[in-house]
Amino acid sequence: MRINGGLIVAIALASSPAFADVRHEFIPESLRGSWGAGSDGCGAGDRSMIALSADAYERAGERCTVEWVSEIAGPTGPIYSAYSRCPSQPAGQRAAVSLIMRPEDVNRVAIGPDFENLTVYRKCPVKQ
């Protein structure tokens, strides 16, 4: 029996840790909290804010429930994708959506529906 060399290489690459996808139940703790776009995006009622909790996120008045979070290795650190259910308009059915979260540093994260539409958010101060 002959084994195709290309098939062996493909299997080796696919099983490499660099291509590994780790599934989490919750959004990582380091990303939880309120995040604002721009320099003044943390003001009360600012529609550009996004609030991330362990199992949900809320932005522009819409709350989405996180079903799981996928983590992959990126060139500068982990990249997370939250697979969520959000209320859809107008029928009230829940649509499946994905939210990409790529940490830039401890106080900044790029968030968006896909890699072409990421917005950099800054961590909002915790209100006491």
N, C-alpha and C. Protein backbone atom coordinates (compact mmCIF):
# COMPACT_ATOMS: atom_id res chain seq x y z
N MET A 1 0.83 -1.18 0.00
CA MET A 1 0.00 0.00 0.00
C MET A 1 0.87 1.24 0.00
N ARG A 2 0.59 2.17 -0.90
CA ARG A 2 1.32 3.43 -0.94
C ARG A 2 0.56 4.50 -0.17
N ILE A 3 1.29 5.27 0.57
CA ILE A 3 0.68 6.38 1.32
C ILE A 3 1.09 7.67 0.64
N ASN A 4 0.14 8.48 0.36
CA ASN A 4 0.37 9.76 -0.29
C ASN A 4 1.13 10.69 0.66
N GLY A 5 2.31 11.19 0.21
CA GLY A 5 3.14 12.07 1.04
C GLY A 5 2.44 13.36 1.41
N GLY A 6 1.65 13.91 0.47
CA GLY A 6 0.90 15.14 0.75
C GLY A 6 -0.11 14.95 1.87
N LEU A 7 -0.73 13.78 1.90
CA LEU A 7 -1.71 13.49 2.94
C LEU A 7 -1.04 13.45 4.32
N ILE A 8 0.14 12.87 4.37
CA ILE A 8 0.87 12.80 5.65
C ILE A 8 1.22 14.21 6.14
N VAL A 9 1.69 15.07 5.23
CA VAL A 9 2.03 16.44 5.61
C VAL A 9 0.78 17.19 6.08
N ALA A 10 -0.34 17.02 5.38
CA ALA A 10 -1.59 17.68 5.77
C ALA A 10 -2.04 17.24 7.14
N ILE A 11 -1.96 15.96 7.42
CA ILE A 11 -2.35 15.46 8.74
C ILE A 11 -1.44 16.01 9.82
N ALA A 12 -0.14 16.06 9.55
CA ALA A 12 0.82 16.59 10.52
C ALA A 12 0.55 18.06 10.81
N LEU A 13 0.27 18.85 9.77
CA LEU A 13 -0.01 20.27 9.98
C LEU A 13 -1.32 20.48 10.72
N ALA A 14 -2.34 19.71 10.39
CA ALA A 14 -3.65 19.88 11.02
C ALA A 14 -3.61 19.52 12.49
N SER A 15 -2.72 18.62 12.88
CA SER A 15 -2.65 18.22 14.28
C SER A 15 -1.65 19.06 15.07
N SER A 16 -1.01 20.02 14.42
CA SER A 16 -0.03 20.88 15.06
C SER A 16 -0.72 21.77 16.11
N PRO A 17 -0.07 22.05 17.25
CA PRO A 17 -0.67 22.93 18.26
C PRO A 17 -0.95 24.33 17.73
N ALA A 18 -0.22 24.78 16.71
CA ALA A 18 -0.46 26.12 16.17
C ALA A 18 -1.84 26.23 15.55
N PHE A 19 -2.41 25.12 15.15
CA PHE A 19 -3.74 25.12 14.55
C PHE A 19 -4.81 24.68 15.55
N ALA A 20 -4.40 24.45 16.79
CA ALA A 20 -5.33 23.95 17.79
C ALA A 20 -6.37 25.00 18.15
N ASP A 21 -7.56 24.54 18.37
CA ASP A 21 -8.68 25.39 18.76
C ASP A 21 -9.13 24.90 20.13
N VAL A 22 -9.02 25.76 21.14
CA VAL A 22 -9.42 25.40 22.49
C VAL A 22 -10.77 26.03 22.76
N ARG A 23 -11.70 25.23 23.27
CA ARG A 23 -13.04 25.74 23.56
C ARG A 23 -13.18 25.98 25.06
N HIS A 24 -13.71 27.18 25.39
CA HIS A 24 -13.95 27.56 26.78
C HIS A 24 -15.45 27.75 26.98
N GLU A 25 -15.87 27.61 28.22
CA GLU A 25 -17.28 27.82 28.55
C GLU A 25 -17.60 29.30 28.75
N PHE A 26 -16.58 30.09 29.14
CA PHE A 26 -16.80 31.49 29.49
C PHE A 26 -15.82 32.41 28.78
N ILE A 27 -16.17 33.70 28.70
CA ILE A 27 -15.24 34.72 28.24
C ILE A 27 -14.13 34.82 29.28
N PRO A 28 -12.87 34.88 28.86
CA PRO A 28 -11.77 34.94 29.83
C PRO A 28 -11.92 36.11 30.79
N GLU A 29 -11.54 35.89 32.02
CA GLU A 29 -11.69 36.90 33.07
C GLU A 29 -10.95 38.20 32.72
N SER A 30 -9.82 38.09 32.04
CA SER A 30 -9.05 39.28 31.69
C SER A 30 -9.79 40.21 30.72
N LEU A 31 -10.81 39.70 30.02
CA LEU A 31 -11.57 40.51 29.07
C LEU A 31 -12.90 41.01 29.64
N ARG A 32 -13.27 40.55 30.81
CA ARG A 32 -14.56 40.95 31.39
C ARG A 32 -14.50 42.39 31.89
N GLY A 33 -15.63 43.06 31.75
CA GLY A 33 -15.73 44.44 32.18
C GLY A 33 -16.31 45.29 31.07
N SER A 34 -16.27 46.59 31.26
CA SER A 34 -16.79 47.54 30.27
C SER A 34 -15.65 48.09 29.44
N TRP A 35 -15.89 48.20 28.15
CA TRP A 35 -14.90 48.68 27.20
C TRP A 35 -15.53 49.77 26.36
N GLY A 36 -14.77 50.85 26.12
CA GLY A 36 -15.29 51.96 25.31
C GLY A 36 -14.40 52.24 24.12
N ALA A 37 -15.03 52.57 23.00
CA ALA A 37 -14.28 52.95 21.80
C ALA A 37 -13.93 54.42 21.87
N GLY A 38 -12.75 54.78 21.45
CA GLY A 38 -12.34 56.19 21.46
C GLY A 38 -11.90 56.64 22.83
N SER A 39 -11.55 57.91 22.93
CA SER A 39 -11.02 58.44 24.18
C SER A 39 -12.10 58.66 25.24
N ASP A 40 -13.34 58.91 24.83
CA ASP A 40 -14.40 59.17 25.80
C ASP A 40 -15.53 58.16 25.69
N GLY A 41 -15.22 56.94 25.27
CA GLY A 41 -16.24 55.92 25.05
C GLY A 41 -16.79 55.27 26.29
N CYS A 42 -16.41 55.73 27.47
CA CYS A 42 -16.87 55.10 28.71
C CYS A 42 -17.94 55.93 29.42
N GLY A 43 -18.47 56.94 28.76
CA GLY A 43 -19.49 57.78 29.37
C GLY A 43 -20.82 57.06 29.51
N ALA A 44 -21.62 57.49 30.47
CA ALA A 44 -22.94 56.88 30.70
C ALA A 44 -23.78 57.00 29.43
N GLY A 45 -24.34 55.89 29.02
CA GLY A 45 -25.22 55.87 27.86
C GLY A 45 -24.51 55.88 26.52
N ASP A 46 -23.18 55.77 26.51
CA ASP A 46 -22.44 55.76 25.25
C ASP A 46 -22.75 54.48 24.49
N ARG A 47 -23.26 54.61 23.27
CA ARG A 47 -23.68 53.47 22.47
C ARG A 47 -22.51 52.69 21.89
N SER A 48 -21.28 53.23 21.98
CA SER A 48 -20.12 52.50 21.47
C SER A 48 -19.53 51.55 22.51
N MET A 49 -20.02 51.61 23.75
CA MET A 49 -19.52 50.74 24.81
C MET A 49 -19.95 49.30 24.58
N ILE A 50 -19.12 48.38 25.08
CA ILE A 50 -19.48 46.97 25.12
C ILE A 50 -19.11 46.46 26.51
N ALA A 51 -20.03 45.72 27.11
CA ALA A 51 -19.81 45.15 28.44
C ALA A 51 -19.72 43.63 28.28
N LEU A 52 -18.59 43.07 28.70
CA LEU A 52 -18.36 41.64 28.62
C LEU A 52 -18.45 41.03 30.00
N SER A 53 -19.27 39.99 30.15
CA SER A 53 -19.32 39.23 31.40
C SER A 53 -18.92 37.80 31.07
N ALA A 54 -18.97 36.93 32.05
CA ALA A 54 -18.53 35.55 31.83
C ALA A 54 -19.32 34.86 30.72
N ASP A 55 -20.63 35.06 30.69
CA ASP A 55 -21.45 34.30 29.74
C ASP A 55 -22.37 35.16 28.87
N ALA A 56 -22.05 36.46 28.76
CA ALA A 56 -22.87 37.34 27.93
C ALA A 56 -22.09 38.60 27.59
N TYR A 57 -22.59 39.33 26.62
CA TYR A 57 -22.08 40.67 26.35
C TYR A 57 -23.24 41.55 25.91
N GLU A 58 -23.07 42.84 26.17
CA GLU A 58 -24.13 43.80 25.85
C GLU A 58 -23.52 45.00 25.17
N ARG A 59 -24.13 45.40 24.06
CA ARG A 59 -23.72 46.62 23.36
C ARG A 59 -24.91 47.19 22.63
N ALA A 60 -24.98 48.50 22.62
CA ALA A 60 -26.07 49.24 21.95
C ALA A 60 -27.43 48.71 22.38
N GLY A 61 -27.57 48.35 23.65
CA GLY A 61 -28.85 47.91 24.18
C GLY A 61 -29.22 46.48 23.88
N GLU A 62 -28.38 45.74 23.14
CA GLU A 62 -28.67 44.34 22.84
C GLU A 62 -27.79 43.44 23.69
N ARG A 63 -28.41 42.47 24.34
CA ARG A 63 -27.69 41.52 25.19
C ARG A 63 -27.64 40.18 24.49
N CYS A 64 -26.44 39.65 24.33
CA CYS A 64 -26.23 38.36 23.68
C CYS A 64 -25.71 37.35 24.70
N THR A 65 -26.21 36.14 24.63
CA THR A 65 -25.79 35.07 25.52
C THR A 65 -24.69 34.26 24.85
N VAL A 66 -23.56 34.10 25.54
CA VAL A 66 -22.42 33.36 25.01
C VAL A 66 -22.64 31.87 25.24
N GLU A 67 -22.55 31.09 24.16
CA GLU A 67 -22.69 29.64 24.26
C GLU A 67 -21.34 28.97 24.52
N TRP A 68 -20.29 29.44 23.83
CA TRP A 68 -18.93 29.00 24.10
C TRP A 68 -17.97 30.00 23.50
N VAL A 69 -16.70 29.89 23.92
CA VAL A 69 -15.65 30.78 23.43
C VAL A 69 -14.54 29.92 22.87
N SER A 70 -14.16 30.19 21.65
CA SER A 70 -13.07 29.49 20.99
C SER A 70 -11.80 30.31 21.12
N GLU A 71 -10.68 29.67 21.42
CA GLU A 71 -9.40 30.35 21.54
C GLU A 71 -8.42 29.75 20.54
N ILE A 72 -7.79 30.62 19.75
CA ILE A 72 -6.72 30.16 18.85
C ILE A 72 -5.49 31.02 19.08
N ALA A 73 -4.34 30.48 18.72
CA ALA A 73 -3.10 31.23 18.86
C ALA A 73 -2.99 32.24 17.73
N GLY A 74 -2.63 33.46 18.08
CA GLY A 74 -2.40 34.51 17.09
C GLY A 74 -0.94 34.92 17.11
N PRO A 75 -0.52 35.76 16.20
CA PRO A 75 0.89 36.15 16.14
C PRO A 75 1.35 36.95 17.36
N THR A 76 0.43 37.63 18.04
CA THR A 76 0.81 38.42 19.23
C THR A 76 0.15 37.93 20.51
N GLY A 77 -0.52 36.79 20.47
CA GLY A 77 -1.18 36.25 21.65
C GLY A 77 -2.48 35.58 21.25
N PRO A 78 -3.27 35.16 22.24
CA PRO A 78 -4.52 34.45 21.91
C PRO A 78 -5.56 35.35 21.26
N ILE A 79 -6.37 34.73 20.42
CA ILE A 79 -7.52 35.40 19.80
C ILE A 79 -8.74 34.60 20.20
N TYR A 80 -9.77 35.28 20.67
CA TYR A 80 -10.98 34.62 21.14
C TYR A 80 -12.14 34.92 20.21
N SER A 81 -13.02 33.97 20.07
CA SER A 81 -14.25 34.17 19.30
C SER A 81 -15.40 33.62 20.13
N ALA A 82 -16.31 34.51 20.52
CA ALA A 82 -17.47 34.10 21.31
C ALA A 82 -18.61 33.75 20.36
N TYR A 83 -19.09 32.54 20.45
CA TYR A 83 -20.24 32.09 19.68
C TYR A 83 -21.47 32.32 20.54
N SER A 84 -22.37 33.16 20.06
CA SER A 84 -23.44 33.69 20.90
C SER A 84 -24.80 33.57 20.23
N ARG A 85 -25.81 33.79 21.04
CA ARG A 85 -27.20 33.91 20.57
C ARG A 85 -27.68 35.29 20.96
N CYS A 86 -28.19 36.03 19.97
CA CYS A 86 -28.68 37.38 20.20
C CYS A 86 -30.11 37.48 19.69
N PRO A 87 -30.93 38.31 20.35
CA PRO A 87 -32.27 38.53 19.82
C PRO A 87 -32.16 39.16 18.43
N SER A 88 -32.93 38.66 17.49
CA SER A 88 -32.90 39.25 16.16
C SER A 88 -34.11 40.14 15.96
N GLN A 89 -34.04 41.01 14.99
CA GLN A 89 -35.14 41.92 14.71
C GLN A 89 -35.88 41.42 13.49
N PRO A 90 -37.16 41.52 13.34
CA PRO A 90 -38.12 41.91 14.35
C PRO A 90 -38.83 40.72 14.97
N ALA A 91 -38.58 39.50 14.47
CA ALA A 91 -39.38 38.35 14.84
C ALA A 91 -39.13 37.85 16.26
N GLY A 92 -38.07 38.32 16.91
CA GLY A 92 -37.80 37.87 18.27
C GLY A 92 -37.08 36.53 18.31
N GLN A 93 -36.75 35.97 17.14
CA GLN A 93 -35.98 34.74 17.12
C GLN A 93 -34.54 35.07 17.46
N ARG A 94 -33.82 34.09 17.91
CA ARG A 94 -32.45 34.33 18.29
C ARG A 94 -31.51 33.91 17.16
N ALA A 95 -30.66 34.82 16.73
CA ALA A 95 -29.72 34.55 15.65
C ALA A 95 -28.34 34.23 16.22
N ALA A 96 -27.65 33.26 15.63
CA ALA A 96 -26.29 32.92 16.06
C ALA A 96 -25.33 33.96 15.49
N VAL A 97 -24.43 34.47 16.33
CA VAL A 97 -23.44 35.45 15.91
C VAL A 97 -22.09 35.11 16.53
N SER A 98 -21.05 35.68 15.96
CA SER A 98 -19.70 35.49 16.47
C SER A 98 -19.12 36.85 16.82
N LEU A 99 -18.36 36.92 17.89
CA LEU A 99 -17.71 38.16 18.31
C LEU A 99 -16.23 37.86 18.49
N ILE A 100 -15.39 38.45 17.66
CA ILE A 100 -13.94 38.27 17.74
C ILE A 100 -13.40 39.23 18.80
N MET A 101 -12.49 38.73 19.65
CA MET A 101 -11.85 39.54 20.68
C MET A 101 -10.35 39.26 20.63
N ARG A 102 -9.56 40.26 20.24
CA ARG A 102 -8.11 40.11 20.14
C ARG A 102 -7.45 41.09 21.10
N PRO A 103 -6.97 40.62 22.26
CA PRO A 103 -6.32 41.52 23.22
C PRO A 103 -5.10 42.21 22.60
N GLU A 104 -5.02 43.53 22.80
CA GLU A 104 -3.86 44.31 22.34
C GLU A 104 -2.86 44.44 23.49
N ASP A 105 -3.37 44.74 24.68
CA ASP A 105 -2.61 44.76 25.93
C ASP A 105 -3.64 44.69 27.05
N VAL A 106 -3.24 44.91 28.31
CA VAL A 106 -4.18 44.73 29.42
C VAL A 106 -5.31 45.74 29.42
N ASN A 107 -5.12 46.88 28.75
CA ASN A 107 -6.14 47.93 28.74
C ASN A 107 -6.78 48.17 27.38
N ARG A 108 -6.42 47.39 26.38
CA ARG A 108 -6.99 47.56 25.04
C ARG A 108 -7.28 46.20 24.42
N VAL A 109 -8.40 46.13 23.72
CA VAL A 109 -8.78 44.91 23.02
C VAL A 109 -9.48 45.30 21.72
N ALA A 110 -9.18 44.58 20.65
CA ALA A 110 -9.86 44.80 19.37
C ALA A 110 -11.05 43.85 19.31
N ILE A 111 -12.24 44.38 19.06
CA ILE A 111 -13.48 43.59 19.08
C ILE A 111 -14.27 43.87 17.81
N GLY A 112 -14.87 42.83 17.26
CA GLY A 112 -15.71 43.01 16.09
C GLY A 112 -16.31 41.70 15.62
N PRO A 113 -17.18 41.77 14.60
CA PRO A 113 -17.85 40.57 14.10
C PRO A 113 -16.94 39.70 13.24
N ASP A 114 -15.86 40.29 12.68
CA ASP A 114 -14.89 39.55 11.88
C ASP A 114 -13.58 40.33 11.88
N PHE A 115 -12.53 39.75 11.30
CA PHE A 115 -11.22 40.39 11.36
C PHE A 115 -11.13 41.67 10.53
N GLU A 116 -11.98 41.84 9.55
CA GLU A 116 -11.97 43.05 8.74
C GLU A 116 -12.66 44.22 9.43
N ASN A 117 -13.42 43.96 10.48
CA ASN A 117 -14.20 45.02 11.15
C ASN A 117 -13.93 45.06 12.65
N LEU A 118 -12.66 45.05 13.03
CA LEU A 118 -12.31 45.14 14.44
C LEU A 118 -12.16 46.60 14.85
N THR A 119 -12.67 46.93 16.03
CA THR A 119 -12.54 48.25 16.62
C THR A 119 -11.76 48.11 17.91
N VAL A 120 -10.79 49.00 18.14
CA VAL A 120 -10.01 48.95 19.38
C VAL A 120 -10.79 49.65 20.48
N TYR A 121 -10.97 48.94 21.59
CA TYR A 121 -11.67 49.44 22.77
C TYR A 121 -10.68 49.58 23.91
N ARG A 122 -10.94 50.56 24.78
CA ARG A 122 -10.14 50.75 25.98
C ARG A 122 -10.96 50.32 27.20
N LYS A 123 -10.27 49.76 28.17
CA LYS A 123 -10.92 49.33 29.41
C LYS A 123 -11.46 50.55 30.15
N CYS A 124 -12.73 50.48 30.52
CA CYS A 124 -13.34 51.57 31.30
C CYS A 124 -12.99 51.40 32.77
N PRO A 125 -12.80 52.50 33.49
CA PRO A 125 -12.53 52.39 34.91
C PRO A 125 -13.73 51.78 35.64
N VAL A 126 -13.45 51.01 36.67
CA VAL A 126 -14.49 50.40 37.47
C VAL A 126 -15.13 51.45 38.35
N LYS A 127 -16.45 51.55 38.28
CA LYS A 127 -17.16 52.53 39.11
C LYS A 127 -17.43 51.93 40.48
N GLN A 128 -17.18 52.72 41.52
CA GLN A 128 -17.32 52.21 42.88
C GLN A 128 -18.57 52.73 43.52
